[in-house]
PDB file of N, CA and C in Angstrom:
ATOM      1  N   MET A   1      82.156  84.028  88.323  1.00  0.00           N
ATOM      2  CA  MET A   1      83.096  83.894  90.041  1.00  0.00           C
ATOM      3  C   MET A   1      83.069  82.205  90.286  1.00  0.00           C
ATOM      4  N   THR A   2      82.621  81.359  90.148  1.00  0.00           N
ATOM      5  CA  THR A   2      82.837  80.181  91.207  1.00  0.00           C
ATOM      6  C   THR A   2      83.709  79.813  89.962  1.00  0.00           C
ATOM      7  N   GLN A   3      84.423  79.684  89.090  1.00  0.00           N
ATOM      8  CA  GLN A   3      85.617  79.111  88.616  1.00  0.00           C
ATOM      9  C   GLN A   3      86.607  79.863  89.866  1.00  0.00           C
ATOM     10  N   TYR A   4      86.581  80.763  89.531  1.00  0.00           N
ATOM     11  CA  TYR A   4      87.590  81.607  90.295  1.00  0.00           C
ATOM     12  C   TYR A   4      87.892  81.426  91.834  1.00  0.00           C
ATOM     13  N   ARG A   5      86.770  80.861  92.045  1.00  0.00           N
ATOM     14  CA  ARG A   5      86.488  80.957  93.400  1.00  0.00           C
ATOM     15  C   ARG A   5      87.060  79.449  93.800  1.00  0.00           C
ATOM     16  N   LEU A   6      86.998  78.833  92.873  1.00  0.00           N
ATOM     17  CA  LEU A   6      87.457  77.133  93.428  1.00  0.00           C
ATOM     18  C   LEU A   6      88.709  77.201  92.338  1.00  0.00           C
ATOM     19  N   LYS A   7      89.300  78.353  91.995  1.00  0.00           N
ATOM     20  CA  LYS A   7      90.983  78.212  91.579  1.00  0.00           C
ATOM     21  C   LYS A   7      90.958  77.461  90.352  1.00  0.00           C
ATOM     22  N   ARG A   8      90.049  77.825  89.380  1.00  0.00           N
ATOM     23  CA  ARG A   8      90.337  77.223  87.789  1.00  0.00           C
ATOM     24  C   ARG A   8      90.282  78.665  87.133  1.00  0.00           C
ATOM     25  N   PRO A   9      91.324  78.926  87.024  1.00  0.00           N
ATOM     26  CA  PRO A   9      91.607  80.147  86.560  1.00  0.00           C
ATOM     27  C   PRO A   9      91.376  79.983  84.954  1.00  0.00           C
ATOM     28  N   ASP A  10      91.328  78.862  84.417  1.00  0.00           N
ATOM     29  CA  ASP A  10      91.529  78.615  82.985  1.00  0.00           C
ATOM     30  C   ASP A  10      89.700  78.994  82.729  1.00  0.00           C
ATOM     31  N   ASP A  11      89.636  78.645  83.482  1.00  0.00           N
ATOM     32  CA  ASP A  11      87.855  78.329  83.490  1.00  0.00           C
ATOM     33  C   ASP A  11      87.149  79.395  83.555  1.00  0.00           C
ATOM     34  N   ALA A  12      87.506  80.258  84.550  1.00  0.00           N
ATOM     35  CA  ALA A  12      87.401  81.744  85.125  1.00  0.00           C
ATOM     36  C   ALA A  12      87.645  82.523  83.989  1.00  0.00           C
ATOM     37  N   ILE A  13      88.709  82.798  83.204  1.00  0.00           N
ATOM     38  CA  ILE A  13      88.862  83.303  82.596  1.00  0.00           C
ATOM     39  C   ILE A  13      87.928  83.231  81.021  1.00  0.00           C
ATOM     40  N   THR A  14      87.665  82.487  80.973  1.00  0.00           N
ATOM     41  CA  THR A  14      87.135  82.011  79.573  1.00  0.00           C
ATOM     42  C   THR A  14      85.722  82.650  79.742  1.00  0.00           C
ATOM     43  N   SER A  15      84.889  82.322  81.472  1.00  0.00           N
ATOM     44  CA  SER A  15      83.764  82.639  81.789  1.00  0.00           C
ATOM     45  C   SER A  15      83.757  84.453  81.330  1.00  0.00           C
ATOM     46  N   PHE A  16      84.790  85.202  81.930  1.00  0.00           N
ATOM     47  CA  PHE A  16      84.994  86.185  82.294  1.00  0.00           C
ATOM     48  C   PHE A  16      84.966  87.132  80.782  1.00  0.00           C
ATOM     49  N   ALA A  17      85.966  86.311  79.857  1.00  0.00           N
ATOM     50  CA  ALA A  17      86.434  86.698  78.773  1.00  0.00           C
ATOM     51  C   ALA A  17      85.075  87.010  77.733  1.00  0.00           C
ATOM     52  N   ALA A  18      83.964  85.873  77.951  1.00  0.00           N
ATOM     53  CA  ALA A  18      82.904  85.926  77.730  1.00  0.00           C
ATOM     54  C   ALA A  18      81.881  86.841  78.086  1.00  0.00           C
ATOM     55  N   SER A  19      82.061  87.555  79.541  1.00  0.00           N
ATOM     56  CA  SER A  19      81.042  88.329  79.722  1.00  0.00           C
ATOM     57  C   SER A  19      81.532  89.770  79.045  1.00  0.00           C
ATOM     58  N   VAL A  20      82.916  89.494  79.209  1.00  0.00           N
ATOM     59  CA  VAL A  20      83.139  91.132  78.743  1.00  0.00           C
ATOM     60  C   VAL A  20      82.877  90.692  77.005  1.00  0.00           C
ATOM     61  N   ALA A  21      82.774  90.311  76.518  1.00  0.00           N
ATOM     62  CA  ALA A  21      82.152  90.345  74.560  1.00  0.00           C
ATOM     63  C   ALA A  21      81.024  90.330  74.887  1.00  0.00           C
ATOM     64  N   CYS A  22      80.312  90.141  75.913  1.00  0.00           N
ATOM     65  CA  CYS A  22      78.773  90.007  75.549  1.00  0.00           C
ATOM     66  C   CYS A  22      78.766  92.003  76.008  1.00  0.00           C
ATOM     67  N   ASN A  23      79.157  92.025  77.346  1.00  0.00           N
ATOM     68  CA  ASN A  23      79.429  93.830  77.339  1.00  0.00           C
ATOM     69  C   ASN A  23      80.580  94.087  77.691  1.00  0.00           C
ATOM     70  N   PRO A  24      81.119  95.214  76.756  1.00  0.00           N
ATOM     71  CA  PRO A  24      82.409  95.637  76.896  1.00  0.00           C
ATOM     72  C   PRO A  24      82.438  96.636  78.226  1.00  0.00           C
ATOM     73  N   GLN A  25      81.193  97.293  78.276  1.00  0.00           N
ATOM     74  CA  GLN A  25      80.856  97.980  79.873  1.00  0.00           C
ATOM     75  C   GLN A  25      80.972  97.974  80.776  1.00  0.00           C
ATOM     76  N   PHE A  26      81.313  96.575  81.100  1.00  0.00           N
ATOM     77  CA  PHE A  26      80.952  95.915  82.094  1.00  0.00           C
ATOM     78  C   PHE A  26      81.710  96.028  83.396  1.00  0.00           C
ATOM     79  N   PHE A  27      82.278  96.689  83.992  1.00  0.00           N
ATOM     80  CA  PHE A  27      83.561  97.121  84.327  1.00  0.00           C
ATOM     81  C   PHE A  27      83.758  95.392  85.820  1.00  0.00           C
ATOM     82  N   PRO A  28      82.408  95.141  86.430  1.00  0.00           N
ATOM     83  CA  PRO A  28      83.437  93.749  87.149  1.00  0.00           C
ATOM     84  C   PRO A  28      83.876  92.540  86.394  1.00  0.00           C
ATOM     85  N   ALA A  29      83.643  92.516  84.940  1.00  0.00           N
ATOM     86  CA  ALA A  29      84.070  91.531  84.319  1.00  0.00           C
ATOM     87  C   ALA A  29      85.517  92.026  84.037  1.00  0.00           C
ATOM     88  N   ASP A  30      86.012  92.680  83.324  1.00  0.00           N
ATOM     89  CA  ASP A  30      87.170  93.132  83.065  1.00  0.00           C
ATOM     90  C   ASP A  30      88.318  93.242  84.108  1.00  0.00           C
ATOM     91  N   ARG A  31      87.729  93.591  85.429  1.00  0.00           N
ATOM     92  CA  ARG A  31      88.700  93.697  86.437  1.00  0.00           C
ATOM     93  C   ARG A  31      88.652  92.116  87.076  1.00  0.00           C
ATOM     94  N   ALA A  32      87.674  90.970  87.193  1.00  0.00           N
ATOM     95  CA  ALA A  32      87.872  89.751  87.375  1.00  0.00           C
ATOM     96  C   ALA A  32      88.435  89.077  86.500  1.00  0.00           C
ATOM     97  N   LEU A  33      88.462  89.875  85.065  1.00  0.00           N
ATOM     98  CA  LEU A  33      89.301  89.068  84.019  1.00  0.00           C
ATOM     99  C   LEU A  33      90.811  89.294  83.973  1.00  0.00           C
ATOM    100  N   GLY A  34      91.205  90.230  84.418  1.00  0.00           N
ATOM    101  CA  GLY A  34      92.485  91.042  85.181  1.00  0.00           C
ATOM    102  C   GLY A  34      93.338  89.929  86.151  1.00  0.00           C
ATOM    103  N   ASP A  35      92.308  90.310  87.579  1.00  0.00           N
ATOM    104  CA  ASP A  35      93.054  89.147  88.637  1.00  0.00           C
ATOM    105  C   ASP A  35      92.586  87.978  88.259  1.00  0.00           C
ATOM    106  N   ALA A  36      92.266  87.151  87.142  1.00  0.00           N
ATOM    107  CA  ALA A  36      92.512  85.819  86.731  1.00  0.00           C
ATOM    108  C   ALA A  36      93.666  85.553  85.796  1.00  0.00           C
ATOM    109  N   TYR A  37      93.745  86.777  84.855  1.00  0.00           N
ATOM    110  CA  TYR A  37      95.053  86.649  84.660  1.00  0.00           C
ATOM    111  C   TYR A  37      96.342  86.776  85.519  1.00  0.00           C
ATOM    112  N   LEU A  38      96.499  87.698  86.206  1.00  0.00           N
ATOM    113  CA  LEU A  38      97.378  87.659  87.287  1.00  0.00           C
ATOM    114  C   LEU A  38      97.705  86.476  87.952  1.00  0.00           C
ATOM    115  N   GLU A  39      96.846  86.124  88.736  1.00  0.00           N
ATOM    116  CA  GLU A  39      96.916  84.382  89.240  1.00  0.00           C
ATOM    117  C   GLU A  39      97.104  83.476  88.609  1.00  0.00           C
ATOM    118  N   LYS A  40      97.033  83.856  86.970  1.00  0.00           N
ATOM    119  CA  LYS A  40      97.301  82.758  86.059  1.00  0.00           C
ATOM    120  C   LYS A  40      99.227  83.129  86.241  1.00  0.00           C
ATOM    121  N   GLY A  41      99.780  84.298  86.201  1.00  0.00           N
ATOM    122  CA  GLY A  41     101.175  84.708  85.917  1.00  0.00           C
ATOM    123  C   GLY A  41     100.959  85.445  84.550  1.00  0.00           C
ATOM    124  N   ASP A  42      99.976  85.503  83.880  1.00  0.00           N
ATOM    125  CA  ASP A  42     100.101  86.482  82.322  1.00  0.00           C
ATOM    126  C   ASP A  42      99.312  87.482  82.511  1.00  0.00           C
ATOM    127  N   ASP A  43     100.764  88.362  82.769  1.00  0.00           N
ATOM    128  CA  ASP A  43     101.437  89.863  83.331  1.00  0.00           C
ATOM    129  C   ASP A  43     100.711  90.648  82.209  1.00  0.00           C
ATOM    130  N   ASN A  44     100.572  90.508  80.952  1.00  0.00           N
ATOM    131  CA  ASN A  44     100.338  91.431  79.613  1.00  0.00           C
ATOM    132  C   ASN A  44      99.035  91.028  79.649  1.00  0.00           C
ATOM    133  N   ARG A  45      98.501  89.926  79.799  1.00  0.00           N
ATOM    134  CA  ARG A  45      96.803  90.101  79.831  1.00  0.00           C
ATOM    135  C   ARG A  45      96.174  90.109  80.407  1.00  0.00           C
ATOM    136  N   ALA A  46      96.757  90.605  81.928  1.00  0.00           N
ATOM    137  CA  ALA A  46      96.084  91.148  83.023  1.00  0.00           C
ATOM    138  C   ALA A  46      96.169  92.638  82.386  1.00  0.00           C
ATOM    139  N   LEU A  47      97.457  93.154  82.451  1.00  0.00           N
ATOM    140  CA  LEU A  47      97.503  94.492  82.615  1.00  0.00           C
ATOM    141  C   LEU A  47      96.508  94.971  81.141  1.00  0.00           C
ATOM    142  N   ALA A  48      96.755  94.503  80.321  1.00  0.00           N
ATOM    143  CA  ALA A  48      95.440  95.137  79.042  1.00  0.00           C
ATOM    144  C   ALA A  48      93.559  94.733  80.236  1.00  0.00           C
ATOM    145  N   ALA A  49      93.643  93.732  80.444  1.00  0.00           N
ATOM    146  CA  ALA A  49      92.404  94.084  81.174  1.00  0.00           C
ATOM    147  C   ALA A  49      92.559  94.749  82.245  1.00  0.00           C
ATOM    148  N   TYR A  50      92.944  95.141  82.771  1.00  0.00           N
ATOM    149  CA  TYR A  50      93.103  96.439  83.579  1.00  0.00           C
ATOM    150  C   TYR A  50      93.131  97.670  83.117  1.00  0.00           C
ATOM    151  N   GLU A  51      93.393  97.764  81.890  1.00  0.00           N
ATOM    152  CA  GLU A  51      93.776  99.263  81.166  1.00  0.00           C
ATOM    153  C   GLU A  51      92.086  99.007  81.059  1.00  0.00           C
ATOM    154  N   ALA A  52      91.625  98.438  80.070  1.00  0.00           N
ATOM    155  CA  ALA A  52      90.128  98.416  80.115  1.00  0.00           C
ATOM    156  C   ALA A  52      88.611  98.666  81.027  1.00  0.00           C
ATOM    157  N   ALA A  53      89.641  97.993  82.558  1.00  0.00           N
ATOM    158  CA  ALA A  53      88.279  98.162  83.126  1.00  0.00           C
ATOM    159  C   ALA A  53      88.891  99.716  83.510  1.00  0.00           C
ATOM    160  N   LEU A  54      90.356 100.131  83.197  1.00  0.00           N
ATOM    161  CA  LEU A  54      89.885 101.666  83.661  1.00  0.00           C
ATOM    162  C   LEU A  54      89.928 102.614  82.920  1.00  0.00           C
ATOM    163  N   LYS A  55      89.333 101.945  81.304  1.00  0.00           N
ATOM    164  CA  LYS A  55      88.493 102.730  80.658  1.00  0.00           C
ATOM    165  C   LYS A  55      87.368 103.131  81.106  1.00  0.00           C
ATOM    166  N   ILE A  56      86.197 101.995  81.582  1.00  0.00           N
ATOM    167  CA  ILE A  56      85.456 102.152  82.446  1.00  0.00           C
ATOM    168  C   ILE A  56      84.705 102.864  83.705  1.00  0.00           C
ATOM    169  N   GLN A  57      86.039 102.577  84.028  1.00  0.00           N
ATOM    170  CA  GLN A  57      85.640 103.450  86.021  1.00  0.00           C
ATOM    171  C   GLN A  57      87.516 103.739  85.781  1.00  0.00           C
ATOM    172  N   PRO A  58      87.859 104.881  85.063  1.00  0.00           N
ATOM    173  CA  PRO A  58      89.270 105.664  85.709  1.00  0.00           C
ATOM    174  C   PRO A  58      89.469 105.749  86.365  1.00  0.00           C
ATOM    175  N   ASP A  59      88.783 105.813  87.543  1.00  0.00           N
ATOM    176  CA  ASP A  59      89.248 106.187  89.064  1.00  0.00           C
ATOM    177  C   ASP A  59      89.007 105.143  90.210  1.00  0.00           C
ATOM    178  N   ASP A  60      89.305 104.052  89.395  1.00  0.00           N
ATOM    179  CA  ASP A  60      89.553 102.743  90.699  1.00  0.00           C
ATOM    180  C   ASP A  60      90.311 102.758  90.846  1.00  0.00           C
ATOM    181  N   PRO A  61      90.742 102.900  92.554  1.00  0.00           N
ATOM    182  CA  PRO A  61      91.822 103.013  93.279  1.00  0.00           C
ATOM    183  C   PRO A  61      92.838 101.398  93.394  1.00  0.00           C
ATOM    184  N   ASP A  62      91.757 100.439  93.428  1.00  0.00           N
ATOM    185  CA  ASP A  62      92.275  98.828  92.875  1.00  0.00           C
ATOM    186  C   ASP A  62      92.747  98.721  91.885  1.00  0.00           C
ATOM    187  N   ILE A  63      92.191  99.193  90.805  1.00  0.00           N
ATOM    188  CA  ILE A  63      92.598  98.488  89.218  1.00  0.00           C
ATOM    189  C   ILE A  63      94.192  99.443  88.898  1.00  0.00           C
ATOM    190  N   LEU A  64      93.817 101.104  89.819  1.00  0.00           N
ATOM    191  CA  LEU A  64      94.641 101.577  89.567  1.00  0.00           C
ATOM    192  C   LEU A  64      95.898 101.183  89.973  1.00  0.00           C
ATOM    193  N   ARG A  65      95.682 100.427  91.384  1.00  0.00           N
ATOM    194  CA  ARG A  65      97.236 100.167  92.144  1.00  0.00           C
ATOM    195  C   ARG A  65      97.441  99.078  91.335  1.00  0.00           C
ATOM    196  N   ALA A  66      96.732  98.181  90.890  1.00  0.00           N
ATOM    197  CA  ALA A  66      97.161  96.902  90.335  1.00  0.00           C
ATOM    198  C   ALA A  66      97.847  97.135  89.090  1.00  0.00           C
ATOM    199  N   ALA A  67      97.200  98.129  87.984  1.00  0.00           N
ATOM    200  CA  ALA A  67      97.882  98.284  87.326  1.00  0.00           C
ATOM    201  C   ALA A  67      99.524  98.651  87.311  1.00  0.00           C
ATOM    202  N   GLY A  68      99.443 100.037  88.164  1.00  0.00           N
ATOM    203  CA  GLY A  68     100.524 100.211  88.530  1.00  0.00           C
ATOM    204  C   GLY A  68     101.608  99.812  88.051  1.00  0.00           C
ATOM    205  N   HIS A  69     101.316  98.404  89.850  1.00  0.00           N
ATOM    206  CA  HIS A  69     102.338  97.481  90.482  1.00  0.00           C
ATOM    207  C   HIS A  69     102.813  96.705  88.850  1.00  0.00           C
ATOM    208  N   LEU A  70     101.733  96.438  87.927  1.00  0.00           N
ATOM    209  CA  LEU A  70     101.929  95.043  86.720  1.00  0.00           C
ATOM    210  C   LEU A  70     102.885  96.381  85.913  1.00  0.00           C
ATOM    211  N   CYS A  71     102.874  98.065  85.941  1.00  0.00           N
ATOM    212  CA  CYS A  71     103.970  97.926  85.257  1.00  0.00           C
ATOM    213  C   CYS A  71     105.051  99.025  85.592  1.00  0.00           C
ATOM    214  N   MET A  72     105.151  98.884  86.959  1.00  0.00           N
ATOM    215  CA  MET A  72     106.614  98.769  88.133  1.00  0.00           C
ATOM    216  C   MET A  72     107.045  97.563  87.593  1.00  0.00           C
ATOM    217  N   LYS A  73     106.656  96.167  87.326  1.00  0.00           N
ATOM    218  CA  LYS A  73     107.861  94.898  87.638  1.00  0.00           C
ATOM    219  C   LYS A  73     107.832  95.346  86.564  1.00  0.00           C
ATOM    220  N   HIS A  74     107.596  95.490  85.287  1.00  0.00           N
ATOM    221  CA  HIS A  74     108.108  95.633  84.033  1.00  0.00           C
ATOM    222  C   HIS A  74     108.389  96.317  83.139  1.00  0.00           C
ATOM    223  N   GLU A  75     108.485  97.314  84.208  1.00  0.00           N
ATOM    224  CA  GLU A  75     109.620  98.912  83.772  1.00  0.00           C
ATOM    225  C   GLU A  75     109.187  99.492  82.982  1.00  0.00           C
ATOM    226  N   LEU A  76     107.544  99.663  82.950  1.00  0.00           N
ATOM    227  CA  LEU A  76     106.270 100.563  82.373  1.00  0.00           C
ATOM    228  C   LEU A  76     106.789 101.896  82.776  1.00  0.00           C
ATOM    229  N   ASN A  77     108.235 102.498  83.057  1.00  0.00           N
ATOM    230  CA  ASN A  77     107.885 103.550  84.500  1.00  0.00           C
ATOM    231  C   ASN A  77     106.568 104.453  83.537  1.00  0.00           C
ATOM    232  N   GLN A  78     106.751 105.289  82.705  1.00  0.00           N
ATOM    233  CA  GLN A  78     105.987 106.308  82.207  1.00  0.00           C
ATOM    234  C   GLN A  78     104.430 105.879  82.524  1.00  0.00           C
ATOM    235  N   ARG A  79     103.944 104.568  82.193  1.00  0.00           N
ATOM    236  CA  ARG A  79     102.695 103.927  81.820  1.00  0.00           C
ATOM    237  C   ARG A  79     102.442 104.151  83.548  1.00  0.00           C
ATOM    238  N   ALA A  80     103.416 103.457  84.633  1.00  0.00           N
ATOM    239  CA  ALA A  80     103.122 103.410  86.258  1.00  0.00           C
ATOM    240  C   ALA A  80     103.200 104.591  86.455  1.00  0.00           C
ATOM    241  N   THR A  81     103.225 105.358  86.377  1.00  0.00           N
ATOM    242  CA  THR A  81     103.779 106.870  86.554  1.00  0.00           C
ATOM    243  C   THR A  81     102.190 107.686  86.489  1.00  0.00           C
ATOM    244  N   ALA A  82     101.999 107.269  85.480  1.00  0.00           N
ATOM    245  CA  ALA A  82     100.086 108.190  85.293  1.00  0.00           C
ATOM    246  C   ALA A  82      99.640 107.599  85.987  1.00  0.00           C
ATOM    247  N   LEU A  83      99.760 106.199  86.069  1.00  0.00           N
ATOM    248  CA  LEU A  83      98.605 105.252  87.118  1.00  0.00           C
ATOM    249  C   LEU A  83      98.839 105.849  88.521  1.00  0.00           C
ATOM    250  N   LEU A  84      99.899 105.426  88.801  1.00  0.00           N
ATOM    251  CA  LEU A  84     100.131 106.111  90.200  1.00  0.00           C
ATOM    252  C   LEU A  84      99.958 107.481  90.555  1.00  0.00           C
ATOM    253  N   GLU A  85      99.925 108.170  89.997  1.00  0.00           N
ATOM    254  CA  GLU A  85     100.135 109.932  90.306  1.00  0.00           C
ATOM    255  C   GLU A  85      98.546 109.809  90.061  1.00  0.00           C
ATOM    256  N   ARG A  86      97.526 109.122  89.420  1.00  0.00           N
ATOM    257  CA  ARG A  86      96.326 109.419  89.717  1.00  0.00           C
ATOM    258  C   ARG A  86      95.807 108.699  90.798  1.00  0.00           C
ATOM    259  N   LEU A  87      96.680 107.405  91.069  1.00  0.00           N
ATOM    260  CA  LEU A  87      96.181 107.035  92.594  1.00  0.00           C
ATOM    261  C   LEU A  87      96.642 107.990  93.573  1.00  0.00           C
ATOM    262  N   VAL A  88      97.336 108.427  93.937  1.00  0.00           N
ATOM    263  CA  VAL A  88      97.939 109.738  94.811  1.00  0.00           C
ATOM    264  C   VAL A  88      97.079 110.357  95.204  1.00  0.00           C
ATOM    265  N   GLN A  89      97.103 111.113  93.495  1.00  0.00           N
ATOM    266  CA  GLN A  89      95.867 112.297  93.843  1.00  0.00           C
ATOM    267  C   GLN A  89      94.149 111.663  94.678  1.00  0.00           C
ATOM    268  N   LEU A  90      93.890 110.563  93.778  1.00  0.00           N
ATOM    269  CA  LEU A  90      92.602 110.292  94.975  1.00  0.00           C
ATOM    270  C   LEU A  90      92.720 109.664  95.933  1.00  0.00           C
ATOM    271  N   GLN A  91      93.804 109.089  96.260  1.00  0.00           N
ATOM    272  CA  GLN A  91      93.988 109.242  97.555  1.00  0.00           C
ATOM    273  C   GLN A  91      95.225 109.416  98.290  1.00  0.00           C
ATOM    274  N   PRO A  92      95.315 110.423  98.865  1.00  0.00           N
ATOM    275  CA  PRO A  92      96.616 111.260  99.485  1.00  0.00           C
ATOM    276  C   PRO A  92      97.518 110.580 100.511  1.00  0.00           C
ATOM    277  N   GLY A  93      96.249 110.069 101.554  1.00  0.00           N
ATOM    278  CA  GLY A  93      96.919 109.792 102.537  1.00  0.00           C
ATOM    279  C   GLY A  93      97.370 108.106 102.864  1.00  0.00           C
ATOM    280  N   ASP A  94      97.215 108.050 101.382  1.00  0.00           N
ATOM    281  CA  ASP A  94      97.661 106.317 101.030  1.00  0.00           C
ATOM    282  C   ASP A  94      99.143 106.313 100.984  1.00  0.00           C
ATOM    283  N   PRO A  95      99.814 105.602 102.313  1.00  0.00           N
ATOM    284  CA  PRO A  95     101.369 105.850 102.360  1.00  0.00           C
ATOM    285  C   PRO A  95     102.130 104.947 101.044  1.00  0.00           C
ATOM    286  N   GLU A  96     101.826 103.875 100.976  1.00  0.00           N
ATOM    287  CA  GLU A  96     101.547 102.693  99.875  1.00  0.00           C
ATOM    288  C   GLU A  96     101.643 103.268  98.731  1.00  0.00           C
ATOM    289  N   ALA A  97     100.709 103.893  98.392  1.00  0.00           N
ATOM    290  CA  ALA A  97     101.109 104.619  96.943  1.00  0.00           C
ATOM    291  C   ALA A  97     101.887 105.875  96.578  1.00  0.00           C
ATOM    292  N   LYS A  98     102.070 106.175  97.526  1.00  0.00           N
ATOM    293  CA  LYS A  98     103.133 107.308  97.601  1.00  0.00           C
ATOM    294  C   LYS A  98     104.315 106.579  97.488  1.00  0.00           C
ATOM    295  N   ALA A  99     104.753 105.293  98.235  1.00  0.00           N
ATOM    296  CA  ALA A  99     105.960 105.510  98.309  1.00  0.00           C
ATOM    297  C   ALA A  99     106.056 104.504  96.995  1.00  0.00           C
ATOM    298  N   ASP A 100     105.162 104.054  96.105  1.00  0.00           N
ATOM    299  CA  ASP A 100     104.998 103.444  94.976  1.00  0.00           C
ATOM    300  C   ASP A 100     105.644 104.116  94.376  1.00  0.00           C
ATOM    301  N   LEU A 101     104.557 105.588  94.105  1.00  0.00           N
ATOM    302  CA  LEU A 101     105.061 106.446  93.055  1.00  0.00           C
ATOM    303  C   LEU A 101     106.476 107.217  93.165  1.00  0.00           C
ATOM    304  N   GLY A 102     106.933 107.237  94.512  1.00  0.00           N
ATOM    305  CA  GLY A 102     108.536 107.105  94.821  1.00  0.00           C
ATOM    306  C   GLY A 102     109.225 106.623  94.347  1.00  0.00           C
ATOM    307  N   ALA A 103     109.389 105.268  94.222  1.00  0.00           N
ATOM    308  CA  ALA A 103     109.942 104.296  93.438  1.00  0.00           C
ATOM    309  C   ALA A 103     109.727 104.540  91.636  1.00  0.00           C
ATOM    310  N   VAL A 104     109.182 105.348  91.577  1.00  0.00           N
ATOM    311  CA  VAL A 104     108.846 104.777  90.186  1.00  0.00           C
ATOM    312  C   VAL A 104     109.792 106.270  90.018  1.00  0.00           C
ATOM    313  N   TYR A 105     109.556 107.140  90.756  1.00  0.00           N
ATOM    314  CA  TYR A 105     110.354 108.796  90.445  1.00  0.00           C
ATOM    315  C   TYR A 105     111.884 108.210  90.053  1.00  0.00           C
ATOM    316  N   GLY A 106     111.781 107.805  91.196  1.00  0.00           N
ATOM    317  CA  GLY A 106     113.519 107.136  91.739  1.00  0.00           C
ATOM    318  C   GLY A 106     114.256 106.542  90.159  1.00  0.00           C
ATOM    319  N   ALA A 107     113.244 105.076  89.269  1.00  0.00           N
ATOM    320  CA  ALA A 107     113.001 104.936  88.656  1.00  0.00           C
ATOM    321  C   ALA A 107     114.085 105.542  87.054  1.00  0.00           C
ATOM    322  N   THR A 108     113.052 106.917  87.111  1.00  0.00           N
ATOM    323  CA  THR A 108     113.438 107.354  86.145  1.00  0.00           C
ATOM    324  C   THR A 108     113.949 108.765  86.397  1.00  0.00           C
ATOM    325  N   GLY A 109     114.880 108.500  87.349  1.00  0.00           N
ATOM    326  CA  GLY A 109     115.761 109.694  87.575  1.00  0.00           C
ATOM    327  C   GLY A 109     114.455 111.235  88.147  1.00  0.00           C
ATOM    328  N   GLU A 110     113.929 110.958  88.372  1.00  0.00           N
ATOM    329  CA  GLU A 110     112.969 111.965  89.178  1.00  0.00           C
ATOM    330  C   GLU A 110     113.608 111.767  90.509  1.00  0.00           C
ATOM    331  N   MET A 111     114.856 112.600  91.041  1.00  0.00           N
ATOM    332  CA  MET A 111     114.836 112.377  92.783  1.00  0.00           C
ATOM    333  C   MET A 111     114.278 113.034  93.412  1.00  0.00           C
ATOM    334  N   GLU A 112     114.591 114.139  93.557  1.00  0.00           N
ATOM    335  CA  GLU A 112     113.573 115.179  94.272  1.00  0.00           C
ATOM    336  C   GLU A 112     111.945 115.105  94.078  1.00  0.00           C
ATOM    337  N   LYS A 113     111.254 114.229  93.086  1.00  0.00           N
ATOM    338  CA  LYS A 113     110.046 114.307  93.406  1.00  0.00           C
ATOM    339  C   LYS A 113     110.005 112.552  94.084  1.00  0.00           C
ATOM    340  N   ALA A 114     110.834 112.103  93.959  1.00  0.00           N
ATOM    341  CA  ALA A 114     111.304 110.597  94.413  1.00  0.00           C
ATOM    342  C   ALA A 114     111.174 110.915  96.396  1.00  0.00           C
ATOM    343  N   GLU A 115     112.177 111.526  96.019  1.00  0.00           N
ATOM    344  CA  GLU A 115     112.662 112.314  98.223  1.00  0.00           C
ATOM    345  C   GLU A 115     111.346 112.511  98.481  1.00  0.00           C
ATOM    346  N   ARG A 116     110.332 113.904  97.855  1.00  0.00           N
ATOM    347  CA  ARG A 116     109.178 114.054  98.534  1.00  0.00           C
ATOM    348  C   ARG A 116     108.005 113.327  98.661  1.00  0.00           C
ATOM    349  N   GLN A 117     107.760 111.906  97.810  1.00  0.00           N
ATOM    350  CA  GLN A 117     107.082 110.869  98.043  1.00  0.00           C
ATOM    351  C   GLN A 117     107.613 110.400  98.939  1.00  0.00           C
ATOM    352  N   PHE A 118     108.804 109.819  99.069  1.00  0.00           N
ATOM    353  CA  PHE A 118     108.955 108.807  99.995  1.00  0.00           C
ATOM    354  C   PHE A 118     109.062 109.489 101.714  1.00  0.00           C
ATOM    355  N   ARG A 119     109.611 110.439 101.770  1.00  0.00           N
ATOM    356  CA  ARG A 119     109.448 111.796 102.900  1.00  0.00           C
ATOM    357  C   ARG A 119     107.500 111.687 103.266  1.00  0.00           C
ATOM    358  N   ASP A 120     106.888 111.621 102.505  1.00  0.00           N
ATOM    359  CA  ASP A 120     105.168 111.855 102.534  1.00  0.00           C
ATOM    360  C   ASP A 120     104.839 110.422 102.998  1.00  0.00           C
ATOM    361  N   ALA A 121     105.047 109.612 102.822  1.00  0.00           N
ATOM    362  CA  ALA A 121     104.723 108.486 102.728  1.00  0.00           C
ATOM    363  C   ALA A 121     105.080 107.503 104.297  1.00  0.00           C
ATOM    364  N   LEU A 122     106.789 108.402 105.019  1.00  0.00           N
ATOM    365  CA  LEU A 122     107.275 108.114 106.323  1.00  0.00           C
ATOM    366  C   LEU A 122     106.649 108.220 106.668  1.00  0.00           C
ATOM    367  N   ALA A 123     105.923 110.050 106.569  1.00  0.00           N
ATOM    368  CA  ALA A 123     104.873 110.853 107.678  1.00  0.00           C
ATOM    369  C   ALA A 123     103.456 110.515 107.789  1.00  0.00           C
ATOM    370  N   LEU A 124     103.359 109.853 106.671  1.00  0.00           N
ATOM    371  CA  LEU A 124     101.978 109.162 107.397  1.00  0.00           C
ATOM    372  C   LEU A 124     101.890 107.728 108.043  1.00  0.00           C
ATOM    373  N   ASN A 125     103.115 107.232 108.018  1.00  0.00           N
ATOM    374  CA  ASN A 125     103.089 106.324 108.998  1.00  0.00           C
ATOM    375  C   ASN A 125     103.950 106.327 109.992  1.00  0.00           C
ATOM    376  N   SER A 126     104.266 107.711 110.217  1.00  0.00           N
ATOM    377  CA  SER A 126     104.547 107.964 111.432  1.00  0.00           C
ATOM    378  C   SER A 126     103.642 108.053 112.462  1.00  0.00           C
TER     379      SER A 126
END
C-alpha cells in the first residue's frame, strides 16, 4: 500500500500481484491491484483484477461499481448489465447505480427498462 500511496503504480502492482500469488483468496490485494491498474490506465488488467475480487466477495458494492464502469466504458454491455443489476439489487437507494444501469439498458435497446431506471434515479435525487 505504501507504493500505491506514494503514487508508484508499477511498484504497487508488483507488490499487489505478489500478494495475490501468495494468497489468491486475499480480497484486499485483488481490489488494490485493480485500483492500481486502473490508475495506470490498464483497463483490461484492472477489470480482470476486479473480477477476481468479485469471485471472493461477489457483493462488494465498490468493486461492482468499478467493474461496471469499466465494462460500460468498453461497451461490454452484457457484463455491465449483470454487474450493475447486482449493485442496484444490493443498493436500491443509489441513484448513480440506477442511472448507470439505465444507460446500459439504453445501450442494449431495452428502452422501457432504461426509462424505469432513469425515473427511479431522478426520484431518489428529488
